[in-house]
Amino acid sequence: MFDSNTRRRRRRIIWPLIITFVVAVGVLVATAGGDARSTIAHLEEVQTTALQISRAGSALRGLVGDLSRVDRSEFDSVLSGVTQALDGAEEVANREPPDQELLGAMSLYRLAVESWRTGIDGFREAALRAADDPTDESVVDDIASAVVSVRAGDALYQALLVEFAREDVPSPVAEMPSVQLLPVDAPITVLAPAWVSAIRSETSGLPMRPSIRIEQVSTTPEWVQSSGGGLVVPAVAETIDLMVVIGNSGNTVTEPATVTLTFQGQGLEPVTQEQTVDAIQAGANTTVGFRDLEVVPGTFYELIVELRPGGADAFADDNRYSTGFLVNEATPSTDTTAGG
């Protein structure tokens, strides 16, 4: 009888222990599964950011191979793309890895990204300095140093691939891409001076070339070509408007400028007016209007428009416009565009 009671007490003790053990095992399995998922997700981010760097590097290699013709805006766009890719990789590389076996790999990735960034920032700064200051000879050494840093990043990345190849180190499910930000098939002593020469060539769009110009001059009512070859403004009452389009054909923002109009009818006193032109973005233009200019029908007018840049101007030949035109008289039996 006592043996039966003892067995019942043992069952009451053992079953809770078994249940506790099962629950504990379940927790451990769930935790291990969570760590595995975290590791996989982390490695996917490493692979994704490395792929973004690889693509940005491909664009950069194409750009540096054509520095004698590349536009400054394109240069900025490509380098910004590389920088953004490195930003994403740096964020991932600086995180604490979910698996201790990844510590070495992530240290290599972080060092590679830091070395790439140092080199890319140095290359960008030195290349633009070479373009903007043709007398600065230190840029050759600075570009060479930048290439050394970039190639060091490439070497660290190769070490990362070797680390991932080890059996005891988790690796991304997808294959890691190859990464090469700058060409490696020529010595630095050859590349650096060649790139500086290309940047400073006449065909390169990298040097800062401010260029403001008069693009078009027109009137309202619109002047037309007469049968005799001159310009004629059809008959008007008392005034016309003159519109001047000012454009920026350079690769940098212009400084505020001034447009001066000299307008004189035959036998009349000259009229001079002045307008301010705000800064214009590269490739853009703006229109300046001189309105309600008094005219006398039947009179020939001489017109001079002069543009005075507020800063440097690489090409000054297109800063002056002059012409003459006739304001026709209105007659019911005469074509108003036939005079002149």
Protein backbone atom coordinates (compact mmCIF):
# COMPACT_ATOMS: atom_id res chain seq x y z
CA MET A 1 0.00 0.00 0.00
CA PHE A 2 2.78 2.39 0.90
CA ASP A 3 4.63 1.47 -2.31
CA SER A 4 1.59 2.49 -4.36
CA ASN A 5 1.40 5.90 -2.67
CA THR A 6 5.13 6.42 -3.21
CA ARG A 7 4.80 5.71 -6.94
CA ARG A 8 1.94 8.21 -7.20
CA ARG A 9 4.02 10.91 -5.50
CA ARG A 10 6.91 10.22 -7.88
CA ARG A 11 4.60 10.63 -10.90
CA ARG A 12 3.33 13.94 -9.52
CA ILE A 13 6.93 15.18 -9.26
CA ILE A 14 8.25 13.76 -12.56
CA TRP A 15 5.51 15.06 -14.89
CA PRO A 16 6.05 18.75 -14.04
CA LEU A 17 9.78 18.23 -14.53
CA ILE A 18 9.19 16.67 -17.94
CA ILE A 19 6.87 19.48 -18.96
CA THR A 20 9.39 22.06 -17.79
CA PHE A 21 12.13 20.31 -19.76
CA VAL A 22 10.02 20.24 -22.94
CA VAL A 23 9.18 23.92 -22.59
CA ALA A 24 12.85 24.78 -22.03
CA VAL A 25 13.89 22.82 -25.12
CA GLY A 26 11.20 24.57 -27.13
CA VAL A 27 12.49 27.96 -25.98
CA LEU A 28 16.04 27.02 -26.91
CA VAL A 29 14.99 25.82 -30.35
CA ALA A 30 12.95 28.96 -30.96
CA THR A 31 15.84 31.11 -29.82
CA ALA A 32 18.30 29.26 -32.04
CA GLY A 33 15.92 29.67 -34.94
CA GLY A 34 15.66 33.40 -34.30
CA ASP A 35 19.45 33.74 -34.25
CA ALA A 36 19.69 31.86 -37.53
CA ARG A 37 17.12 34.12 -39.12
CA SER A 38 18.96 37.19 -37.80
CA THR A 39 22.22 35.89 -39.21
CA ILE A 40 20.66 35.21 -42.61
CA ALA A 41 19.02 38.65 -42.68
CA HIS A 42 22.29 40.32 -41.69
CA LEU A 43 24.25 38.50 -44.38
CA GLU A 44 21.63 39.41 -46.97
CA GLU A 45 22.18 43.07 -46.11
CA VAL A 46 25.93 42.61 -46.48
CA GLN A 47 25.44 41.00 -49.89
CA THR A 48 22.97 43.68 -51.00
CA THR A 49 25.17 46.62 -49.98
CA ALA A 50 28.20 44.98 -51.59
CA LEU A 51 26.21 44.61 -54.81
CA GLN A 52 25.32 48.31 -54.70
CA ILE A 53 29.00 49.18 -54.28
CA SER A 54 29.89 46.89 -57.18
CA ARG A 55 27.40 48.61 -59.49
CA ALA A 56 28.52 52.08 -58.41
CA GLY A 57 32.13 51.02 -59.00
CA SER A 58 31.29 49.92 -62.53
CA ALA A 59 29.86 53.38 -63.28
CA LEU A 60 32.91 55.03 -61.72
CA ARG A 61 35.35 53.00 -63.81
CA GLY A 62 33.49 54.02 -66.94
CA LEU A 63 33.64 57.67 -65.89
CA VAL A 64 37.37 57.80 -65.13
CA GLY A 65 38.04 56.18 -68.47
CA ASP A 66 36.49 59.22 -70.17
CA LEU A 67 37.67 62.13 -68.00
CA SER A 68 38.65 64.16 -71.07
CA ARG A 69 34.98 64.39 -72.08
CA VAL A 70 32.97 63.93 -68.90
CA ASP A 71 30.61 66.67 -67.76
CA ARG A 72 30.93 68.07 -64.25
CA SER A 73 27.31 67.27 -63.39
CA GLU A 74 27.83 63.66 -64.53
CA PHE A 75 30.99 63.46 -62.42
CA ASP A 76 29.09 64.68 -59.35
CA SER A 77 26.24 62.26 -60.02
CA VAL A 78 28.47 59.18 -60.35
CA LEU A 79 30.59 60.04 -57.30
CA SER A 80 27.45 60.73 -55.28
CA GLY A 81 26.18 57.29 -56.27
CA VAL A 82 29.37 55.68 -54.97
CA THR A 83 29.13 57.67 -51.72
CA GLN A 84 25.51 56.63 -51.18
CA ALA A 85 26.40 52.97 -51.73
CA LEU A 86 29.22 53.28 -49.19
CA ASP A 87 26.86 54.95 -46.70
CA GLY A 88 24.56 51.95 -46.84
CA ALA A 89 27.44 49.51 -46.45
CA GLU A 90 28.91 51.46 -43.55
CA GLU A 91 25.63 51.30 -41.66
CA VAL A 92 25.50 47.51 -42.03
CA ALA A 93 29.21 46.99 -41.30
CA ASN A 94 29.02 48.95 -38.04
CA ARG A 95 26.23 46.83 -36.57
CA GLU A 96 26.92 44.16 -33.98
CA PRO A 97 26.77 40.85 -35.89
CA PRO A 98 24.16 38.37 -34.58
CA ASP A 99 26.69 35.52 -34.79
CA GLN A 100 30.09 35.72 -33.07
CA GLU A 101 31.60 33.76 -35.95
CA LEU A 102 30.95 36.85 -38.12
CA LEU A 103 33.08 39.23 -36.06
CA GLY A 104 36.16 38.79 -38.25
CA ALA A 105 34.20 39.09 -41.51
CA MET A 106 32.37 42.21 -40.41
CA SER A 107 35.63 43.80 -39.25
CA LEU A 108 37.06 43.22 -42.70
CA TYR A 109 33.95 44.67 -44.35
CA ARG A 110 34.06 47.74 -42.12
CA LEU A 111 37.75 48.32 -42.86
CA ALA A 112 37.15 47.88 -46.60
CA VAL A 113 34.31 50.43 -46.58
CA GLU A 114 36.39 52.92 -44.57
CA SER A 115 39.33 52.55 -46.96
CA TRP A 116 37.07 52.93 -50.01
CA ARG A 117 35.48 56.04 -48.55
CA THR A 118 38.85 57.64 -47.78
CA GLY A 119 39.99 56.95 -51.32
CA ILE A 120 36.80 58.08 -53.05
CA ASP A 121 36.56 61.29 -51.04
CA GLY A 122 40.21 62.02 -51.78
CA PHE A 123 39.80 61.28 -55.48
CA ARG A 124 36.73 63.51 -55.79
CA GLU A 125 38.38 66.43 -54.00
CA ALA A 126 41.66 66.17 -55.90
CA ALA A 127 39.99 65.75 -59.31
CA LEU A 128 37.85 68.87 -58.88
CA ARG A 129 40.85 70.80 -57.55
CA ALA A 130 42.82 69.74 -60.62
CA ALA A 131 40.01 71.01 -62.84
CA ASP A 132 39.57 74.34 -61.06
CA ASP A 133 43.24 75.21 -60.50
CA PRO A 134 45.47 74.32 -63.46
CA THR A 135 48.56 75.48 -61.54
CA ASP A 136 48.14 73.05 -58.63
CA GLU A 137 50.61 70.21 -59.18
CA SER A 138 50.01 68.56 -55.81
CA VAL A 139 46.85 66.99 -57.22
CA VAL A 140 48.86 64.26 -58.94
CA ASP A 141 50.18 62.95 -55.62
CA ASP A 142 46.76 63.38 -53.99
CA ILE A 143 45.03 61.35 -56.68
CA ALA A 144 47.73 58.68 -56.40
CA SER A 145 47.15 58.50 -52.62
CA ALA A 146 43.42 58.20 -53.19
CA VAL A 147 43.94 55.29 -55.58
CA VAL A 148 46.13 53.57 -52.98
CA SER A 149 43.29 53.80 -50.43
CA VAL A 150 40.73 52.49 -52.90
CA ARG A 151 42.93 49.55 -53.85
CA ALA A 152 43.49 48.81 -50.16
CA GLY A 153 39.71 48.61 -49.82
CA ASP A 154 39.61 46.20 -52.75
CA ALA A 155 42.24 44.01 -51.04
CA LEU A 156 40.33 44.01 -47.75
CA TYR A 157 37.18 43.01 -49.60
CA GLN A 158 39.02 40.08 -51.19
CA ALA A 159 40.06 39.02 -47.68
CA LEU A 160 36.39 39.20 -46.70
CA LEU A 161 35.49 36.78 -49.50
CA VAL A 162 38.19 34.40 -48.28
CA GLU A 163 36.77 34.66 -44.74
CA PHE A 164 33.29 33.79 -45.99
CA ALA A 165 34.74 30.74 -47.76
CA ARG A 166 35.78 29.20 -44.43
CA GLU A 167 33.51 26.34 -43.32
CA ASP A 168 33.05 27.67 -39.79
CA VAL A 169 31.97 31.15 -40.93
CA PRO A 170 28.36 31.78 -42.03
CA SER A 171 28.14 33.23 -45.53
CA PRO A 172 25.37 34.87 -47.58
CA VAL A 173 23.01 32.57 -49.45
CA ALA A 174 23.59 34.53 -52.67
CA GLU A 175 27.11 34.80 -54.04
CA MET A 176 29.01 37.91 -53.00
CA PRO A 177 29.76 40.18 -55.98
CA SER A 178 33.21 41.22 -57.11
CA VAL A 179 34.02 44.85 -56.29
CA GLN A 180 36.48 47.12 -58.06
CA LEU A 181 36.00 50.88 -57.77
CA LEU A 182 38.94 52.11 -59.84
CA PRO A 183 41.04 50.51 -62.61
CA VAL A 184 43.84 48.23 -61.45
CA ASP A 185 45.49 47.43 -64.77
CA ALA A 186 47.99 50.32 -64.71
CA PRO A 187 50.54 51.59 -62.17
CA ILE A 188 49.51 54.53 -60.00
CA THR A 189 52.45 56.53 -61.32
CA VAL A 190 50.90 56.26 -64.79
CA LEU A 191 47.23 56.65 -63.88
CA ALA A 192 47.44 59.77 -61.68
CA PRO A 193 49.22 62.12 -64.13
CA ALA A 194 47.18 60.78 -67.05
CA TRP A 195 43.93 61.51 -65.23
CA VAL A 196 45.05 65.02 -64.32
CA SER A 197 45.94 65.71 -67.95
CA ALA A 198 42.55 64.41 -69.10
CA ILE A 199 40.71 66.51 -66.50
CA ARG A 200 42.51 69.66 -67.67
CA SER A 201 42.06 69.02 -71.39
CA GLU A 202 40.07 71.47 -73.51
CA THR A 203 37.39 68.88 -74.20
CA SER A 204 36.77 68.08 -70.53
CA GLY A 205 33.61 69.39 -68.92
CA LEU A 206 35.05 69.22 -65.42
CA PRO A 207 36.77 72.62 -65.14
CA MET A 208 34.58 75.39 -63.76
CA ARG A 209 33.62 77.35 -66.86
CA PRO A 210 31.14 80.11 -66.03
CA SER A 211 29.55 81.41 -69.21
CA ILE A 212 26.64 83.82 -69.29
CA ARG A 213 25.38 85.03 -72.66
CA ILE A 214 22.64 86.78 -74.60
CA GLU A 215 20.70 83.99 -76.26
CA GLN A 216 17.85 85.82 -77.95
CA VAL A 217 16.35 89.29 -78.42
CA SER A 218 12.77 89.82 -79.60
CA THR A 219 10.02 92.44 -79.57
CA THR A 220 6.30 92.55 -78.90
CA PRO A 221 4.75 93.07 -81.41
CA GLU A 222 7.22 90.68 -82.96
CA TRP A 223 9.62 92.05 -85.53
CA VAL A 224 9.80 90.27 -88.88
CA GLN A 225 12.10 90.14 -91.84
CA SER A 226 11.14 92.62 -94.55
CA SER A 227 11.38 91.95 -98.27
CA GLY A 228 14.47 94.14 -98.29
CA GLY A 229 16.23 92.00 -95.66
CA GLY A 230 15.85 94.34 -92.68
CA LEU A 231 13.85 93.97 -89.50
CA VAL A 232 10.44 95.58 -89.34
CA VAL A 233 8.02 95.96 -86.47
CA PRO A 234 4.46 96.05 -87.79
CA ALA A 235 2.53 99.24 -87.15
CA VAL A 236 1.98 99.93 -83.45
CA ALA A 237 0.36 102.71 -81.52
CA GLU A 238 2.94 104.21 -79.17
CA THR A 239 5.06 101.52 -77.43
CA ILE A 240 6.77 98.16 -77.89
CA ASP A 241 8.27 95.65 -75.47
CA LEU A 242 11.78 94.26 -75.85
CA MET A 243 12.52 90.80 -74.44
CA VAL A 244 16.09 89.58 -73.83
CA VAL A 245 16.78 85.91 -73.04
CA ILE A 246 19.92 85.47 -70.91
CA GLY A 247 21.32 81.94 -70.70
CA ASN A 248 23.99 80.07 -68.76
CA SER A 249 26.00 77.91 -71.16
CA GLY A 250 28.66 77.15 -68.54
CA ASN A 251 28.77 74.40 -65.94
CA THR A 252 28.42 76.48 -62.79
CA VAL A 253 25.88 78.93 -61.39
CA THR A 254 26.36 82.48 -62.65
CA GLU A 255 26.72 85.51 -60.44
CA PRO A 256 23.99 88.18 -60.71
CA ALA A 257 24.57 90.27 -63.84
CA THR A 258 23.33 93.48 -65.46
CA VAL A 259 21.71 94.02 -68.85
CA THR A 260 21.84 97.52 -70.38
CA LEU A 261 19.63 98.61 -73.26
CA THR A 262 20.44 101.55 -75.50
CA PHE A 263 17.50 102.43 -77.74
CA GLN A 264 17.59 105.36 -80.18
CA GLY A 265 15.30 106.44 -82.97
CA GLN A 266 16.67 108.32 -85.95
CA GLY A 267 16.76 112.01 -85.04
CA LEU A 268 15.63 111.28 -81.45
CA GLU A 269 17.38 111.27 -78.10
CA PRO A 270 18.76 107.88 -77.00
CA VAL A 271 17.00 105.97 -74.24
CA THR A 272 19.08 103.90 -71.80
CA GLN A 273 17.62 101.38 -69.37
CA GLU A 274 19.16 98.78 -67.08
CA GLN A 275 17.92 95.52 -65.58
CA THR A 276 19.42 93.12 -63.04
CA VAL A 277 19.70 89.42 -63.89
CA ASP A 278 19.53 86.99 -60.97
CA ALA A 279 21.85 83.99 -60.68
CA ILE A 280 21.18 81.33 -63.34
CA GLN A 281 21.76 77.61 -62.90
CA ALA A 282 23.98 75.81 -65.42
CA GLY A 283 22.06 75.05 -68.59
CA ALA A 284 19.13 77.30 -67.65
CA ASN A 285 18.03 80.73 -68.87
CA THR A 286 15.85 83.64 -67.86
CA THR A 287 14.08 86.47 -69.67
CA VAL A 288 14.52 90.15 -68.96
CA GLY A 289 11.88 92.55 -70.25
CA PHE A 290 12.16 96.22 -71.20
CA ARG A 291 8.55 97.26 -71.50
CA ASP A 292 6.62 100.19 -72.90
CA LEU A 293 9.44 101.61 -75.00
CA GLU A 294 8.04 104.64 -76.80
CA VAL A 295 8.27 104.50 -80.57
CA VAL A 296 7.24 106.69 -83.49
CA PRO A 297 5.78 104.82 -86.49
CA GLY A 298 7.80 105.40 -89.64
CA THR A 299 11.04 105.76 -87.63
CA PHE A 300 14.19 103.62 -87.83
CA TYR A 301 15.63 102.57 -84.50
CA GLU A 302 19.06 101.36 -83.46
CA LEU A 303 19.23 98.87 -80.61
CA ILE A 304 22.20 97.80 -78.47
CA VAL A 305 21.94 95.24 -75.66
CA GLU A 306 24.99 94.73 -73.45
CA LEU A 307 25.42 92.09 -70.76
CA ARG A 308 27.80 92.74 -67.87
CA PRO A 309 28.59 89.54 -65.93
CA GLY A 310 28.78 89.82 -62.17
CA GLY A 311 31.59 87.26 -62.02
CA ALA A 312 33.96 85.36 -64.27
CA ASP A 313 32.85 84.64 -67.82
CA ALA A 314 34.79 82.16 -69.94
CA PHE A 315 33.39 83.50 -73.23
CA ALA A 316 32.68 87.23 -73.54
CA ASP A 317 31.99 87.40 -77.30
CA ASP A 318 28.28 86.68 -76.80
CA ASN A 319 27.64 89.46 -74.29
CA ARG A 320 26.66 92.15 -76.82
CA TYR A 321 23.83 92.32 -79.34
CA SER A 322 23.06 95.14 -81.76
CA THR A 323 20.64 95.60 -84.63
CA GLY A 324 18.38 98.12 -86.30
CA PHE A 325 14.69 97.94 -87.17
CA LEU A 326 11.95 100.03 -88.66
CA VAL A 327 8.62 100.69 -87.01
CA ASN A 328 6.12 100.74 -89.88
CA GLU A 329 3.36 103.21 -90.22
CA ALA A 330 -0.13 101.87 -90.43
CA THR A 331 -1.67 102.46 -93.85
CA PRO A 332 -4.77 100.68 -95.11
CA SER A 333 -3.29 100.03 -98.55
CA THR A 334 0.26 99.00 -97.57
CA ASP A 335 1.64 95.75 -96.15
CA THR A 336 3.11 96.74 -92.77
CA THR A 337 6.04 94.30 -93.20
CA ALA A 338 7.14 95.59 -96.60
CA GLY A 339 8.97 98.71 -95.46
CA GLY A 340 12.62 99.21 -94.70
